Amino acid sequence: MSTAFLLACLWFVTANIVAMLPTSDGHWRAAVVLIVTGVPLLGWLTVEHGPVLGMLALAGGASVLRWPLVFLWRWLRRGGRPRRPDPAE
C-alpha cells in the first residue's frame, strides 16, 4: 500500500471519530481542518492511483462533509451573496 492510500484511510477514520465527538460549534472547525488536509491528500491519491480511486475518495469525502457542501451549494445558487436575515429571528 502506498503512503497516500494509508493517509487517506487515516483521514476517513479521523473524520468519523471527529463526527462522533460533541462540539459547541457544530463541527465547523473540524470540517475546515478536514477540508484543508483532505484536498491535497485527494490530489496526491489521484496522482498515485488514478482518477477512479480519486473519484471514489472524493465521493467518500463528500459524504463525510455533506453539510459544508450543502451550504456551499446554497451560497452558489444565491450568486455568492450573503444570506438575508430572517425577520422572524
N, C-alpha and C. Protein backbone atom coordinates (compact mmCIF):
# COMPACT_ATOMS: atom_id res chain seq x y z
N MET A 1 0.84 -1.19 0.00
CA MET A 1 0.00 0.00 0.00
C MET A 1 0.87 1.24 0.00
N SER A 2 0.40 2.25 -0.69
CA SER A 2 1.17 3.48 -0.77
C SER A 2 0.88 4.38 0.43
N THR A 3 1.76 5.34 0.61
CA THR A 3 1.59 6.29 1.71
C THR A 3 0.33 7.12 1.52
N ALA A 4 0.03 7.52 0.28
CA ALA A 4 -1.16 8.32 0.01
C ALA A 4 -2.43 7.55 0.39
N PHE A 5 -2.46 6.27 0.06
CA PHE A 5 -3.63 5.45 0.38
C PHE A 5 -3.79 5.28 1.89
N LEU A 6 -2.70 5.04 2.58
CA LEU A 6 -2.75 4.90 4.04
C LEU A 6 -3.19 6.20 4.72
N LEU A 7 -2.69 7.33 4.25
CA LEU A 7 -3.10 8.61 4.83
C LEU A 7 -4.56 8.92 4.52
N ALA A 8 -5.04 8.53 3.35
CA ALA A 8 -6.45 8.72 3.03
C ALA A 8 -7.34 7.88 3.96
N CYS A 9 -6.93 6.65 4.21
CA CYS A 9 -7.68 5.81 5.16
C CYS A 9 -7.66 6.41 6.55
N LEU A 10 -6.51 6.93 6.97
CA LEU A 10 -6.41 7.59 8.26
C LEU A 10 -7.29 8.84 8.31
N TRP A 11 -7.38 9.58 7.21
CA TRP A 11 -8.24 10.76 7.13
C TRP A 11 -9.71 10.36 7.36
N PHE A 12 -10.14 9.27 6.71
CA PHE A 12 -11.53 8.82 6.86
C PHE A 12 -11.82 8.35 8.28
N VAL A 13 -10.88 7.64 8.88
CA VAL A 13 -11.08 7.20 10.28
C VAL A 13 -11.15 8.41 11.20
N THR A 14 -10.25 9.37 11.01
CA THR A 14 -10.25 10.59 11.83
C THR A 14 -11.55 11.37 11.65
N ALA A 15 -12.01 11.50 10.42
CA ALA A 15 -13.25 12.23 10.15
C ALA A 15 -14.44 11.58 10.85
N ASN A 16 -14.49 10.27 10.86
CA ASN A 16 -15.60 9.59 11.52
C ASN A 16 -15.50 9.70 13.04
N ILE A 17 -14.30 9.67 13.58
CA ILE A 17 -14.15 9.84 15.03
C ILE A 17 -14.54 11.25 15.44
N VAL A 18 -14.11 12.24 14.67
CA VAL A 18 -14.45 13.63 14.97
C VAL A 18 -15.96 13.84 14.90
N ALA A 19 -16.63 13.18 13.97
CA ALA A 19 -18.07 13.32 13.83
C ALA A 19 -18.82 12.78 15.05
N MET A 20 -18.22 11.86 15.76
CA MET A 20 -18.87 11.29 16.94
C MET A 20 -18.68 12.12 18.20
N LEU A 21 -17.71 13.05 18.19
CA LEU A 21 -17.43 13.85 19.37
C LEU A 21 -18.38 15.05 19.46
N PRO A 22 -18.80 15.39 20.67
CA PRO A 22 -19.65 16.58 20.80
C PRO A 22 -18.82 17.86 20.69
N THR A 23 -19.37 18.87 20.01
CA THR A 23 -18.71 20.16 19.91
C THR A 23 -19.73 21.28 20.09
N SER A 24 -19.23 22.45 20.42
CA SER A 24 -20.13 23.59 20.62
C SER A 24 -20.38 24.36 19.34
N ASP A 25 -19.52 24.20 18.33
CA ASP A 25 -19.68 24.96 17.09
C ASP A 25 -20.26 24.14 15.95
N GLY A 26 -20.80 23.00 16.23
CA GLY A 26 -21.41 22.18 15.18
C GLY A 26 -20.39 21.56 14.24
N HIS A 27 -19.17 21.33 14.71
CA HIS A 27 -18.10 20.67 13.96
C HIS A 27 -17.52 21.52 12.84
N TRP A 28 -17.77 22.82 12.82
CA TRP A 28 -17.27 23.64 11.71
C TRP A 28 -15.76 23.76 11.71
N ARG A 29 -15.14 23.92 12.88
CA ARG A 29 -13.67 23.99 12.92
C ARG A 29 -13.05 22.70 12.44
N ALA A 30 -13.62 21.59 12.85
CA ALA A 30 -13.11 20.29 12.41
C ALA A 30 -13.32 20.11 10.90
N ALA A 31 -14.44 20.60 10.38
CA ALA A 31 -14.70 20.49 8.95
C ALA A 31 -13.67 21.29 8.15
N VAL A 32 -13.31 22.47 8.63
CA VAL A 32 -12.31 23.29 7.94
C VAL A 32 -10.96 22.56 7.93
N VAL A 33 -10.58 22.00 9.06
CA VAL A 33 -9.31 21.26 9.13
C VAL A 33 -9.35 20.04 8.20
N LEU A 34 -10.46 19.34 8.18
CA LEU A 34 -10.57 18.17 7.31
C LEU A 34 -10.52 18.56 5.84
N ILE A 35 -11.13 19.67 5.48
CA ILE A 35 -11.09 20.13 4.09
C ILE A 35 -9.67 20.54 3.70
N VAL A 36 -9.02 21.30 4.58
CA VAL A 36 -7.67 21.79 4.28
C VAL A 36 -6.69 20.63 4.15
N THR A 37 -6.85 19.60 4.94
CA THR A 37 -5.94 18.46 4.83
C THR A 37 -6.40 17.47 3.75
N GLY A 38 -7.69 17.41 3.48
CA GLY A 38 -8.21 16.43 2.54
C GLY A 38 -8.00 16.77 1.08
N VAL A 39 -8.02 18.05 0.73
CA VAL A 39 -7.88 18.43 -0.68
C VAL A 39 -6.51 18.06 -1.24
N PRO A 40 -5.40 18.43 -0.57
CA PRO A 40 -4.11 17.99 -1.10
C PRO A 40 -3.93 16.47 -1.06
N LEU A 41 -4.48 15.84 -0.04
CA LEU A 41 -4.40 14.39 0.06
C LEU A 41 -5.17 13.74 -1.09
N LEU A 42 -6.30 14.30 -1.46
CA LEU A 42 -7.08 13.78 -2.58
C LEU A 42 -6.29 13.92 -3.89
N GLY A 43 -5.62 15.05 -4.07
CA GLY A 43 -4.79 15.22 -5.26
C GLY A 43 -3.65 14.23 -5.32
N TRP A 44 -2.99 14.03 -4.20
CA TRP A 44 -1.88 13.07 -4.12
C TRP A 44 -2.37 11.65 -4.42
N LEU A 45 -3.51 11.29 -3.83
CA LEU A 45 -4.07 9.96 -4.05
C LEU A 45 -4.44 9.77 -5.52
N THR A 46 -4.99 10.80 -6.15
CA THR A 46 -5.37 10.71 -7.55
C THR A 46 -4.14 10.57 -8.45
N VAL A 47 -3.08 11.30 -8.15
CA VAL A 47 -1.85 11.20 -8.94
C VAL A 47 -1.23 9.81 -8.80
N GLU A 48 -1.25 9.27 -7.59
CA GLU A 48 -0.61 7.97 -7.36
C GLU A 48 -1.43 6.78 -7.86
N HIS A 49 -2.77 6.87 -7.74
CA HIS A 49 -3.60 5.69 -8.02
C HIS A 49 -4.60 5.88 -9.15
N GLY A 50 -4.63 7.04 -9.75
CA GLY A 50 -5.50 7.25 -10.91
C GLY A 50 -6.83 7.89 -10.55
N PRO A 51 -7.54 8.29 -11.60
CA PRO A 51 -8.78 9.04 -11.40
C PRO A 51 -9.94 8.22 -10.81
N VAL A 52 -9.95 6.93 -11.01
CA VAL A 52 -11.05 6.12 -10.47
C VAL A 52 -11.01 6.12 -8.94
N LEU A 53 -9.86 5.82 -8.38
CA LEU A 53 -9.75 5.84 -6.92
C LEU A 53 -9.89 7.26 -6.39
N GLY A 54 -9.41 8.24 -7.16
CA GLY A 54 -9.57 9.63 -6.76
C GLY A 54 -11.04 10.03 -6.68
N MET A 55 -11.83 9.61 -7.65
CA MET A 55 -13.27 9.92 -7.63
C MET A 55 -13.99 9.19 -6.50
N LEU A 56 -13.57 7.96 -6.23
CA LEU A 56 -14.17 7.23 -5.10
C LEU A 56 -13.85 7.92 -3.78
N ALA A 57 -12.62 8.39 -3.63
CA ALA A 57 -12.25 9.11 -2.41
C ALA A 57 -12.98 10.44 -2.33
N LEU A 58 -13.16 11.12 -3.46
CA LEU A 58 -13.91 12.37 -3.47
C LEU A 58 -15.36 12.15 -3.05
N ALA A 59 -15.97 11.08 -3.55
CA ALA A 59 -17.35 10.76 -3.17
C ALA A 59 -17.43 10.42 -1.68
N GLY A 60 -16.46 9.69 -1.17
CA GLY A 60 -16.45 9.37 0.26
C GLY A 60 -16.26 10.61 1.11
N GLY A 61 -15.35 11.49 0.69
CA GLY A 61 -15.15 12.73 1.43
C GLY A 61 -16.36 13.63 1.39
N ALA A 62 -17.05 13.66 0.26
CA ALA A 62 -18.26 14.47 0.14
C ALA A 62 -19.38 13.91 1.03
N SER A 63 -19.41 12.61 1.21
CA SER A 63 -20.44 12.05 2.09
C SER A 63 -20.14 12.35 3.55
N VAL A 64 -18.86 12.43 3.90
CA VAL A 64 -18.48 12.78 5.27
C VAL A 64 -18.72 14.26 5.53
N LEU A 65 -18.39 15.09 4.56
CA LEU A 65 -18.51 16.55 4.72
C LEU A 65 -19.71 17.09 3.93
N ARG A 66 -20.86 16.44 4.06
CA ARG A 66 -22.01 16.83 3.24
C ARG A 66 -22.59 18.19 3.61
N TRP A 67 -22.59 18.59 4.88
CA TRP A 67 -23.20 19.87 5.23
C TRP A 67 -22.41 21.06 4.73
N PRO A 68 -21.08 21.06 4.79
CA PRO A 68 -20.38 22.17 4.13
C PRO A 68 -20.67 22.24 2.63
N LEU A 69 -20.87 21.10 1.98
CA LEU A 69 -21.21 21.12 0.57
C LEU A 69 -22.61 21.65 0.33
N VAL A 70 -23.55 21.32 1.21
CA VAL A 70 -24.91 21.84 1.09
C VAL A 70 -24.91 23.36 1.22
N PHE A 71 -24.18 23.88 2.20
CA PHE A 71 -24.12 25.33 2.39
C PHE A 71 -23.39 26.01 1.24
N LEU A 72 -22.36 25.38 0.68
CA LEU A 72 -21.67 25.92 -0.48
C LEU A 72 -22.62 25.97 -1.67
N TRP A 73 -23.38 24.92 -1.88
CA TRP A 73 -24.34 24.88 -2.98
C TRP A 73 -25.38 25.98 -2.83
N ARG A 74 -25.91 26.18 -1.64
CA ARG A 74 -26.90 27.24 -1.41
C ARG A 74 -26.29 28.61 -1.67
N TRP A 75 -25.05 28.82 -1.24
CA TRP A 75 -24.37 30.09 -1.44
C TRP A 75 -24.15 30.36 -2.93
N LEU A 76 -23.77 29.33 -3.69
CA LEU A 76 -23.57 29.48 -5.12
C LEU A 76 -24.88 29.77 -5.83
N ARG A 77 -25.98 29.16 -5.39
CA ARG A 77 -27.29 29.43 -6.00
C ARG A 77 -27.75 30.86 -5.75
N ARG A 78 -27.32 31.45 -4.63
CA ARG A 78 -27.65 32.86 -4.36
C ARG A 78 -26.73 33.80 -5.11
N GLY A 79 -25.77 33.28 -5.85
CA GLY A 79 -24.84 34.12 -6.59
C GLY A 79 -23.70 34.64 -5.75
N GLY A 80 -23.39 34.00 -4.65
CA GLY A 80 -22.29 34.42 -3.79
C GLY A 80 -22.66 35.54 -2.82
N ARG A 81 -23.93 35.83 -2.75
CA ARG A 81 -24.38 36.89 -1.84
C ARG A 81 -24.64 36.30 -0.46
N PRO A 82 -24.46 37.10 0.59
CA PRO A 82 -24.76 36.59 1.93
C PRO A 82 -26.26 36.36 2.10
N ARG A 83 -26.57 35.51 3.05
CA ARG A 83 -27.96 35.17 3.32
C ARG A 83 -28.67 36.36 3.95
N ARG A 84 -29.91 36.62 3.49
CA ARG A 84 -30.70 37.69 4.09
C ARG A 84 -31.18 37.25 5.47
N PRO A 85 -31.16 38.16 6.44
CA PRO A 85 -31.63 37.76 7.77
C PRO A 85 -33.12 37.47 7.76
N ASP A 86 -33.49 36.48 8.54
CA ASP A 86 -34.89 36.09 8.67
C ASP A 86 -35.59 37.06 9.61
N PRO A 87 -36.68 37.71 9.18
CA PRO A 87 -37.35 38.68 10.06
C PRO A 87 -37.97 38.03 11.29
N ALA A 88 -38.18 36.71 11.25
CA ALA A 88 -38.80 36.02 12.40
C ALA A 88 -37.79 35.80 13.52
N GLU A 89 -36.50 35.97 13.23
CA GLU A 89 -35.48 35.70 14.26
C GLU A 89 -35.31 36.85 15.20
